[in-house]
Amino acid sequence: MTAEAIAEYLSRLLGRPVAAGDTVNLSSAQRGRFVAWLEEAGVAVAAAAVPHALQVAEFARAHGAAAANTAPEARPSGEHAAAAGAATSHPDRVGIDLQLVAELVDAPAERDPKASAELCRIFSMRELSYATARGTVADTLAGIFAAKEALCKADPSLRACDPRSIEVLPDEHGAPQFPGYSLSISHSGGFAVAVAVANRVPAEARLEPVRSELPVARAGASGGAGGAADEPGRPASGGTLLRIASVALVAGLVGALIGHYWAP
């Protein structure tokens, strides 16, 4: 892959002349299309290896020497990405991404997205079909791409996956979904924005470490009004924790009242 060939492609991508000695700034969408074009040309380059400030000649020297004889490296796909997202999602992880729609989908691709080799390396066939069926191809794909980027920011391990396998599709209510995350996509003024928030661990699961440190309830202890006693040898239940907290709160309030009214 020569610097001249890269400059020629970038000129088409950016809509302005780019020379082999230039440095160009690429958005996430433009970088995604550039990586897809490289893969189509047989150049194995991970998206993370393409800087946003791309020096054309230097990039060509670093990645062009063995390009002709190098097959793209296989990346996790399909269920691997979904499993990775569900398994590694952490409660407090958040990703957000903003995309200019026109930078991702040009006019020819908007008319027939499945005919675009670049888009077919970024989106799955189901994503392309969904965008086509909605009739708002450019906006829909830009929103999906923003969601993919937001997911990768929330979980950097997804960067190793084929972008087509980070598949964002609507649920039965039309909301975007990806295992292990809650997603939101919006559009305004030619932009698409997406937020990915890792789903929180259920409350019962979060109580487990606390339970293991509590003293074991004695056999035959009363479970309180209408409650069942905890079994011998088992940690206190969630109901027991609530009762303990309630008793402590009441005791504290009573003590404060006594101290206030009966103080000498």
C-alpha atoms as a PDB file:
ATOM      1  CA  MET A   1       0.000   0.000   0.000  1.00  0.00           C
ATOM      2  CA  THR A   2       1.642   3.226  -1.156  1.00  0.00           C
ATOM      3  CA  ALA A   3       1.307   6.677   0.351  1.00  0.00           C
ATOM      4  CA  GLU A   4      -0.106   7.894  -2.956  1.00  0.00           C
ATOM      5  CA  ALA A   5      -2.874   5.280  -2.906  1.00  0.00           C
ATOM      6  CA  ILE A   6      -3.756   6.171   0.679  1.00  0.00           C
ATOM      7  CA  ALA A   7      -3.752   9.892  -0.159  1.00  0.00           C
ATOM      8  CA  GLU A   8      -6.048   9.275  -3.125  1.00  0.00           C
ATOM      9  CA  TYR A   9      -8.543   7.399  -0.965  1.00  0.00           C
ATOM     10  CA  LEU A  10      -8.414  10.002   1.797  1.00  0.00           C
ATOM     11  CA  SER A  11      -9.078  12.714  -0.785  1.00  0.00           C
ATOM     12  CA  ARG A  12     -12.323  10.959  -1.703  1.00  0.00           C
ATOM     13  CA  LEU A  13     -13.177  10.293   1.935  1.00  0.00           C
ATOM     14  CA  LEU A  14     -12.599  13.863   3.120  1.00  0.00           C
ATOM     15  CA  GLY A  15     -13.807  15.599  -0.024  1.00  0.00           C
ATOM     16  CA  ARG A  16     -10.637  17.657  -0.400  1.00  0.00           C
ATOM     17  CA  PRO A  17      -7.158  17.126  -1.871  1.00  0.00           C
ATOM     18  CA  VAL A  18      -4.772  15.132   0.323  1.00  0.00           C
ATOM     19  CA  ALA A  19      -1.088  14.712  -0.556  1.00  0.00           C
ATOM     20  CA  ALA A  20       1.218  11.875   0.421  1.00  0.00           C
ATOM     21  CA  GLY A  21       3.121  14.128   2.802  1.00  0.00           C
ATOM     22  CA  ASP A  22       0.051  15.493   4.592  1.00  0.00           C
ATOM     23  CA  THR A  23      -1.250  14.858   8.082  1.00  0.00           C
ATOM     24  CA  VAL A  24      -5.033  14.553   8.267  1.00  0.00           C
ATOM     25  CA  ASN A  25      -7.384  14.450  11.231  1.00  0.00           C
ATOM     26  CA  LEU A  26      -9.916  11.622  11.066  1.00  0.00           C
ATOM     27  CA  SER A  27     -13.123  11.347  13.041  1.00  0.00           C
ATOM     28  CA  SER A  28     -14.201   7.977  14.441  1.00  0.00           C
ATOM     29  CA  ALA A  29     -16.527   7.470  11.473  1.00  0.00           C
ATOM     30  CA  GLN A  30     -13.829   8.355   8.946  1.00  0.00           C
ATOM     31  CA  ARG A  31     -11.337   6.141  10.712  1.00  0.00           C
ATOM     32  CA  GLY A  32     -13.850   3.282  10.652  1.00  0.00           C
ATOM     33  CA  ARG A  33     -14.314   3.674   6.895  1.00  0.00           C
ATOM     34  CA  PHE A  34     -10.548   3.942   6.371  1.00  0.00           C
ATOM     35  CA  VAL A  35      -9.916   0.691   8.271  1.00  0.00           C
ATOM     36  CA  ALA A  36     -12.692  -1.002   6.262  1.00  0.00           C
ATOM     37  CA  TRP A  37     -11.081   0.197   3.017  1.00  0.00           C
ATOM     38  CA  LEU A  38      -7.683  -1.107   4.138  1.00  0.00           C
ATOM     39  CA  GLU A  39      -9.158  -4.513   4.970  1.00  0.00           C
ATOM     40  CA  GLU A  40     -10.844  -4.631   1.577  1.00  0.00           C
ATOM     41  CA  ALA A  41      -7.408  -3.974   0.060  1.00  0.00           C
ATOM     42  CA  GLY A  42      -5.873  -6.796   2.096  1.00  0.00           C
ATOM     43  CA  VAL A  43      -4.067  -4.660   4.669  1.00  0.00           C
ATOM     44  CA  ALA A  44      -4.347  -6.021   8.212  1.00  0.00           C
ATOM     45  CA  VAL A  45      -4.617  -3.020  10.515  1.00  0.00           C
ATOM     46  CA  ALA A  46      -6.453  -2.821  13.827  1.00  0.00           C
ATOM     47  CA  ALA A  47      -8.621   0.256  14.298  1.00  0.00           C
ATOM     48  CA  ALA A  48      -6.656   1.149  17.426  1.00  0.00           C
ATOM     49  CA  ALA A  49      -3.478   1.347  15.308  1.00  0.00           C
ATOM     50  CA  VAL A  50      -4.925   4.136  13.155  1.00  0.00           C
ATOM     51  CA  PRO A  51      -4.381   7.491  14.894  1.00  0.00           C
ATOM     52  CA  HIS A  52      -6.898  10.305  14.612  1.00  0.00           C
ATOM     53  CA  ALA A  53      -4.043  12.525  13.373  1.00  0.00           C
ATOM     54  CA  LEU A  54      -2.840  10.354  10.497  1.00  0.00           C
ATOM     55  CA  GLN A  55       0.511  11.069   8.828  1.00  0.00           C
ATOM     56  CA  VAL A  56      -0.022   9.560   5.388  1.00  0.00           C
ATOM     57  CA  ALA A  57       3.597   8.818   4.420  1.00  0.00           C
ATOM     58  CA  GLU A  58       4.542   7.462   7.841  1.00  0.00           C
ATOM     59  CA  PHE A  59       1.469   5.233   7.969  1.00  0.00           C
ATOM     60  CA  ALA A  60       2.248   3.889   4.491  1.00  0.00           C
ATOM     61  CA  ARG A  61       5.829   3.049   5.522  1.00  0.00           C
ATOM     62  CA  ALA A  62       4.699   1.321   8.703  1.00  0.00           C
ATOM     63  CA  HIS A  63       1.884  -0.723   7.186  1.00  0.00           C
ATOM     64  CA  GLY A  64       2.487  -0.877   3.480  1.00  0.00           C
ATOM     65  CA  ALA A  65       5.579  -3.078   3.270  1.00  0.00           C
ATOM     66  CA  ALA A  66       3.898  -6.401   3.924  1.00  0.00           C
ATOM     67  CA  ALA A  67       0.374  -5.382   2.966  1.00  0.00           C
ATOM     68  CA  ALA A  68       0.257  -7.268  -0.314  1.00  0.00           C
ATOM     69  CA  ASN A  69       1.068 -10.593   1.320  1.00  0.00           C
ATOM     70  CA  THR A  70      -0.707 -10.153   4.656  1.00  0.00           C
ATOM     71  CA  ALA A  71      -4.200 -11.427   5.267  1.00  0.00           C
ATOM     72  CA  PRO A  72      -6.358  -9.536   7.757  1.00  0.00           C
ATOM     73  CA  GLU A  73      -6.073 -10.990  11.245  1.00  0.00           C
ATOM     74  CA  ALA A  74      -9.109 -12.939  12.350  1.00  0.00           C
ATOM     75  CA  ARG A  75     -11.031 -11.101  15.025  1.00  0.00           C
ATOM     76  CA  PRO A  76     -13.670 -12.356  17.440  1.00  0.00           C
ATOM     77  CA  SER A  77     -17.103 -12.213  15.892  1.00  0.00           C
ATOM     78  CA  GLY A  78     -20.697 -13.251  16.325  1.00  0.00           C
ATOM     79  CA  GLU A  79     -21.536 -14.459  19.820  1.00  0.00           C
ATOM     80  CA  HIS A  80     -17.998 -13.666  21.002  1.00  0.00           C
ATOM     81  CA  ALA A  81     -18.623  -9.932  21.086  1.00  0.00           C
ATOM     82  CA  ALA A  82     -22.025 -10.309  22.731  1.00  0.00           C
ATOM     83  CA  ALA A  83     -20.588 -12.688  25.319  1.00  0.00           C
ATOM     84  CA  ALA A  84     -17.685 -10.330  25.947  1.00  0.00           C
ATOM     85  CA  GLY A  85     -20.044  -7.429  26.491  1.00  0.00           C
ATOM     86  CA  ALA A  86     -22.255  -9.368  28.879  1.00  0.00           C
ATOM     87  CA  ALA A  87     -19.343 -10.884  30.791  1.00  0.00           C
ATOM     88  CA  THR A  88     -17.106  -7.830  31.183  1.00  0.00           C
ATOM     89  CA  SER A  89     -19.708  -5.118  31.726  1.00  0.00           C
ATOM     90  CA  HIS A  90     -19.073  -3.298  34.984  1.00  0.00           C
ATOM     91  CA  PRO A  91     -21.673  -1.189  36.827  1.00  0.00           C
ATOM     92  CA  ASP A  92     -20.194   2.358  36.615  1.00  0.00           C
ATOM     93  CA  ARG A  93     -18.788   1.997  33.084  1.00  0.00           C
ATOM     94  CA  VAL A  94     -20.213   4.542  30.661  1.00  0.00           C
ATOM     95  CA  GLY A  95     -19.383   5.330  27.036  1.00  0.00           C
ATOM     96  CA  ILE A  96     -20.619   8.183  24.847  1.00  0.00           C
ATOM     97  CA  ASP A  97     -19.971   9.015  21.204  1.00  0.00           C
ATOM     98  CA  LEU A  98     -20.998  11.783  18.810  1.00  0.00           C
ATOM     99  CA  GLN A  99     -20.968  11.314  15.033  1.00  0.00           C
ATOM    100  CA  LEU A 100     -21.502  13.630  12.101  1.00  0.00           C
ATOM    101  CA  VAL A 101     -23.839  11.646   9.863  1.00  0.00           C
ATOM    102  CA  ALA A 102     -22.331  12.875   6.584  1.00  0.00           C
ATOM    103  CA  GLU A 103     -18.855  11.639   7.578  1.00  0.00           C
ATOM    104  CA  LEU A 104     -20.034   8.044   7.759  1.00  0.00           C
ATOM    105  CA  VAL A 105     -22.599   7.609   4.978  1.00  0.00           C
ATOM    106  CA  ASP A 106     -22.218   9.362   1.643  1.00  0.00           C
ATOM    107  CA  ALA A 107     -24.954   9.709  -0.973  1.00  0.00           C
ATOM    108  CA  PRO A 108     -24.182   6.523  -2.992  1.00  0.00           C
ATOM    109  CA  ALA A 109     -23.998   4.435   0.195  1.00  0.00           C
ATOM    110  CA  GLU A 110     -27.260   5.909   1.445  1.00  0.00           C
ATOM    111  CA  ARG A 111     -29.033   4.820  -1.741  1.00  0.00           C
ATOM    112  CA  ASP A 112     -27.736   1.237  -1.470  1.00  0.00           C
ATOM    113  CA  PRO A 113     -25.825   0.571   1.776  1.00  0.00           C
ATOM    114  CA  LYS A 114     -25.330  -3.130   1.037  1.00  0.00           C
ATOM    115  CA  ALA A 115     -23.415  -2.218  -2.139  1.00  0.00           C
ATOM    116  CA  SER A 116     -20.810  -0.321  -0.110  1.00  0.00           C
ATOM    117  CA  ALA A 117     -17.834  -2.552   0.674  1.00  0.00           C
ATOM    118  CA  GLU A 118     -16.829  -0.234   3.505  1.00  0.00           C
ATOM    119  CA  LEU A 119     -20.217  -0.242   5.225  1.00  0.00           C
ATOM    120  CA  CYS A 120     -20.425  -4.015   4.836  1.00  0.00           C
ATOM    121  CA  ARG A 121     -17.221  -4.298   6.893  1.00  0.00           C
ATOM    122  CA  ILE A 122     -18.583  -2.051   9.642  1.00  0.00           C
ATOM    123  CA  PHE A 123     -22.222  -3.176   9.898  1.00  0.00           C
ATOM    124  CA  SER A 124     -23.838  -6.597   9.914  1.00  0.00           C
ATOM    125  CA  MET A 125     -26.353  -7.493   7.239  1.00  0.00           C
ATOM    126  CA  ARG A 126     -29.126  -7.291   9.819  1.00  0.00           C
ATOM    127  CA  GLU A 127     -28.085  -3.758  10.776  1.00  0.00           C
ATOM    128  CA  LEU A 128     -27.994  -2.696   7.123  1.00  0.00           C
ATOM    129  CA  SER A 129     -31.382  -4.286   6.492  1.00  0.00           C
ATOM    130  CA  TYR A 130     -32.866  -2.539   9.528  1.00  0.00           C
ATOM    131  CA  ALA A 131     -31.553   0.857   8.387  1.00  0.00           C
ATOM    132  CA  THR A 132     -32.906   0.276   4.882  1.00  0.00           C
ATOM    133  CA  ALA A 133     -36.318  -0.760   6.200  1.00  0.00           C
ATOM    134  CA  ARG A 134     -36.564   2.389   8.344  1.00  0.00           C
ATOM    135  CA  GLY A 135     -35.978   4.572   5.283  1.00  0.00           C
ATOM    136  CA  THR A 136     -33.502   6.797   7.154  1.00  0.00           C
ATOM    137  CA  VAL A 137     -30.359   4.927   6.187  1.00  0.00           C
ATOM    138  CA  ALA A 138     -27.748   7.571   6.973  1.00  0.00           C
ATOM    139  CA  ASP A 139     -29.193   8.651  10.325  1.00  0.00           C
ATOM    140  CA  THR A 140     -29.876   5.097  11.468  1.00  0.00           C
ATOM    141  CA  LEU A 141     -26.421   3.782  10.569  1.00  0.00           C
ATOM    142  CA  ALA A 142     -24.710   6.788  12.140  1.00  0.00           C
ATOM    143  CA  GLY A 143     -26.665   6.148  15.346  1.00  0.00           C
ATOM    144  CA  ILE A 144     -25.719   2.472  15.335  1.00  0.00           C
ATOM    145  CA  PHE A 145     -22.068   3.342  14.683  1.00  0.00           C
ATOM    146  CA  ALA A 146     -22.120   5.833  17.561  1.00  0.00           C
ATOM    147  CA  ALA A 147     -23.514   3.077  19.788  1.00  0.00           C
ATOM    148  CA  LYS A 148     -20.708   0.715  18.736  1.00  0.00           C
ATOM    149  CA  GLU A 149     -18.131   3.384  19.582  1.00  0.00           C
ATOM    150  CA  ALA A 150     -19.821   4.118  22.918  1.00  0.00           C
ATOM    151  CA  LEU A 151     -19.723   0.409  23.779  1.00  0.00           C
ATOM    152  CA  CYS A 152     -16.010   0.230  22.944  1.00  0.00           C
ATOM    153  CA  LYS A 153     -15.352   3.241  25.165  1.00  0.00           C
ATOM    154  CA  ALA A 154     -17.250   1.616  28.029  1.00  0.00           C
ATOM    155  CA  ASP A 155     -15.458  -1.696  27.453  1.00  0.00           C
ATOM    156  CA  PRO A 156     -12.136  -1.338  25.558  1.00  0.00           C
ATOM    157  CA  SER A 157     -11.872  -5.122  25.149  1.00  0.00           C
ATOM    158  CA  LEU A 158     -14.560  -4.859  22.462  1.00  0.00           C
ATOM    159  CA  ARG A 159     -12.022  -3.040  20.248  1.00  0.00           C
ATOM    160  CA  ALA A 160     -10.557  -6.453  19.449  1.00  0.00           C
ATOM    161  CA  CYS A 161     -13.879  -7.647  18.002  1.00  0.00           C
ATOM    162  CA  ASP A 162     -15.041  -7.355  14.430  1.00  0.00           C
ATOM    163  CA  PRO A 163     -17.282  -4.242  14.400  1.00  0.00           C
ATOM    164  CA  ARG A 164     -19.962  -6.235  12.603  1.00  0.00           C
ATOM    165  CA  SER A 165     -20.257  -8.514  15.628  1.00  0.00           C
ATOM    166  CA  ILE A 166     -20.847  -5.586  17.998  1.00  0.00           C
ATOM    167  CA  GLU A 167     -24.358  -5.763  16.645  1.00  0.00           C
ATOM    168  CA  VAL A 168     -26.825  -3.113  17.782  1.00  0.00           C
ATOM    169  CA  LEU A 169     -30.436  -3.908  16.892  1.00  0.00           C
ATOM    170  CA  PRO A 170     -33.803  -2.813  18.304  1.00  0.00           C
ATOM    171  CA  ASP A 171     -35.786  -4.822  20.812  1.00  0.00           C
ATOM    172  CA  GLU A 172     -39.539  -5.374  20.559  1.00  0.00           C
ATOM    173  CA  HIS A 173     -40.120  -1.782  21.684  1.00  0.00           C
ATOM    174  CA  GLY A 174     -37.670  -0.277  19.189  1.00  0.00           C
ATOM    175  CA  ALA A 175     -34.972   0.501  21.773  1.00  0.00           C
ATOM    176  CA  PRO A 176     -31.370  -0.310  20.799  1.00  0.00           C
ATOM    177  CA  GLN A 177     -29.869  -3.258  22.627  1.00  0.00           C
ATOM    178  CA  PHE A 178     -26.557  -5.036  23.238  1.00  0.00           C
ATOM    179  CA  PRO A 179     -25.982  -7.723  25.920  1.00  0.00           C
ATOM    180  CA  GLY A 180     -24.875  -6.341  29.263  1.00  0.00           C
ATOM    181  CA  TYR A 181     -25.603  -2.698  28.418  1.00  0.00           C
ATOM    182  CA  SER A 182     -28.393  -0.167  28.242  1.00  0.00           C
ATOM    183  CA  LEU A 183     -28.173   1.981  25.109  1.00  0.00           C
ATOM    184  CA  SER A 184     -29.704   5.261  24.009  1.00  0.00           C
ATOM    185  CA  ILE A 185     -29.392   6.850  20.558  1.00  0.00           C
ATOM    186  CA  SER A 186     -30.544  10.294  19.446  1.00  0.00           C
ATOM    187  CA  HIS A 187     -30.236  12.518  16.355  1.00  0.00           C
ATOM    188  CA  SER A 188     -30.252  16.269  15.824  1.00  0.00           C
ATOM    189  CA  GLY A 189     -28.908  18.709  13.245  1.00  0.00           C
ATOM    190  CA  GLY A 190     -27.017  16.133  11.189  1.00  0.00           C
ATOM    191  CA  PHE A 191     -25.448  14.506  14.249  1.00  0.00           C
ATOM    192  CA  ALA A 192     -26.032  11.185  15.978  1.00  0.00           C
ATOM    193  CA  VAL A 193     -25.184  10.609  19.627  1.00  0.00           C
ATOM    194  CA  ALA A 194     -25.219   7.389  21.631  1.00  0.00           C
ATOM    195  CA  VAL A 195     -24.669   6.472  25.256  1.00  0.00           C
ATOM    196  CA  ALA A 196     -23.832   2.996  26.603  1.00  0.00           C
ATOM    197  CA  VAL A 197     -24.219   2.263  30.313  1.00  0.00           C
ATOM    198  CA  ALA A 198     -23.258  -1.080  31.798  1.00  0.00           C
ATOM    199  CA  ASN A 199     -26.174  -2.780  33.501  1.00  0.00           C
ATOM    200  CA  ARG A 200     -25.881  -2.798  37.276  1.00  0.00           C
ATOM    201  CA  VAL A 201     -25.559  -5.980  39.306  1.00  0.00           C
ATOM    202  CA  PRO A 202     -28.899  -6.938  40.935  1.00  0.00           C
ATOM    203  CA  ALA A 203     -29.308  -5.779  44.543  1.00  0.00           C
ATOM    204  CA  GLU A 204     -29.384  -9.350  45.869  1.00  0.00           C
ATOM    205  CA  ALA A 205     -26.010 -10.054  44.247  1.00  0.00           C
ATOM    206  CA  ARG A 206     -24.522  -6.887  45.707  1.00  0.00           C
ATOM    207  CA  LEU A 207     -25.601  -8.007  49.218  1.00  0.00           C
ATOM    208  CA  GLU A 208     -23.696 -11.293  49.037  1.00  0.00           C
ATOM    209  CA  PRO A 209     -20.290  -9.954  50.213  1.00  0.00           C
ATOM    210  CA  VAL A 210     -22.020  -8.259  53.174  1.00  0.00           C
ATOM    211  CA  ARG A 211     -23.869 -11.414  54.142  1.00  0.00           C
ATOM    212  CA  SER A 212     -20.679 -13.468  54.310  1.00  0.00           C
ATOM    213  CA  GLU A 213     -19.331 -11.169  57.039  1.00  0.00           C
ATOM    214  CA  LEU A 214     -22.430 -11.241  59.247  1.00  0.00           C
ATOM    215  CA  PRO A 215     -22.715 -13.611  62.231  1.00  0.00           C
ATOM    216  CA  VAL A 216     -24.696 -16.759  61.580  1.00  0.00           C
ATOM    217  CA  ALA A 217     -28.260 -16.643  62.905  1.00  0.00           C
ATOM    218  CA  ARG A 218     -28.898 -18.993  65.846  1.00  0.00           C
ATOM    219  CA  ALA A 219     -31.186 -21.939  65.373  1.00  0.00           C
ATOM    220  CA  GLY A 220     -34.716 -21.248  66.466  1.00  0.00           C
ATOM    221  CA  ALA A 221     -34.329 -17.488  66.367  1.00  0.00           C
ATOM    222  CA  SER A 222     -37.563 -15.717  65.639  1.00  0.00           C
ATOM    223  CA  GLY A 223     -37.985 -14.381  62.136  1.00  0.00           C
ATOM    224  CA  GLY A 224     -40.041 -11.427  63.374  1.00  0.00           C
ATOM    225  CA  ALA A 225     -43.671 -10.700  62.717  1.00  0.00           C
ATOM    226  CA  GLY A 226     -44.825 -12.780  59.810  1.00  0.00           C
ATOM    227  CA  GLY A 227     -41.265 -13.789  58.887  1.00  0.00           C
ATOM    228  CA  ALA A 228     -39.509 -17.126  58.835  1.00  0.00           C
ATOM    229  CA  ALA A 229     -36.485 -17.847  61.018  1.00  0.00           C
ATOM    230  CA  ASP A 230     -33.085 -18.107  59.326  1.00  0.00           C
ATOM    231  CA  GLU A 231     -31.815 -21.645  59.041  1.00  0.00           C
ATOM    232  CA  PRO A 232     -28.902 -22.749  61.273  1.00  0.00           C
ATOM    233  CA  GLY A 233     -25.502 -22.422  59.630  1.00  0.00           C
ATOM    234  CA  ARG A 234     -26.676 -19.967  56.966  1.00  0.00           C
ATOM    235  CA  PRO A 235     -25.864 -16.245  56.734  1.00  0.00           C
ATOM    236  CA  ALA A 236     -28.556 -13.787  57.725  1.00  0.00           C
ATOM    237  CA  SER A 237     -31.120 -13.191  54.986  1.00  0.00           C
ATOM    238  CA  GLY A 238     -32.003  -9.895  53.355  1.00  0.00           C
ATOM    239  CA  GLY A 239     -35.086  -9.675  55.573  1.00  0.00           C
ATOM    240  CA  THR A 240     -32.927 -10.064  58.671  1.00  0.00           C
ATOM    241  CA  LEU A 241     -30.612  -7.287  57.488  1.00  0.00           C
ATOM    242  CA  LEU A 242     -33.569  -4.977  57.045  1.00  0.00           C
ATOM    243  CA  ARG A 243     -34.909  -5.781  60.509  1.00  0.00           C
ATOM    244  CA  ILE A 244     -31.486  -5.178  62.098  1.00  0.00           C
ATOM    245  CA  ALA A 245     -31.197  -1.811  60.360  1.00  0.00           C
ATOM    246  CA  SER A 246     -34.749  -0.850  61.434  1.00  0.00           C
ATOM    247  CA  VAL A 247     -34.106  -1.769  65.081  1.00  0.00           C
ATOM    248  CA  ALA A 248     -30.840   0.202  65.097  1.00  0.00           C
ATOM    249  CA  LEU A 249     -32.579   3.240  63.615  1.00  0.00           C
ATOM    250  CA  VAL A 250     -35.413   3.149  66.151  1.00  0.00           C
ATOM    251  CA  ALA A 251     -32.951   2.673  69.024  1.00  0.00           C
ATOM    252  CA  GLY A 252     -30.951   5.670  67.846  1.00  0.00           C
ATOM    253  CA  LEU A 253     -34.042   7.872  67.650  1.00  0.00           C
ATOM    254  CA  VAL A 254     -35.231   6.812  71.119  1.00  0.00           C
ATOM    255  CA  GLY A 255     -31.808   7.499  72.572  1.00  0.00           C
ATOM    256  CA  ALA A 256     -31.741  10.968  70.991  1.00  0.00           C
ATOM    257  CA  LEU A 257     -35.187  11.816  72.379  1.00  0.00           C
ATOM    258  CA  ILE A 258     -34.277  10.660  75.897  1.00  0.00           C
ATOM    259  CA  GLY A 259     -31.074  12.681  75.814  1.00  0.00           C
ATOM    260  CA  HIS A 260     -32.960  15.789  74.642  1.00  0.00           C
ATOM    261  CA  TYR A 261     -35.847  15.810  77.142  1.00  0.00           C
ATOM    262  CA  TRP A 262     -34.286  14.165  80.169  1.00  0.00           C
ATOM    263  CA  ALA A 263     -30.914  15.836  80.142  1.00  0.00           C
ATOM    264  CA  PRO A 264     -30.026  17.318  83.590  1.00  0.00           C
END
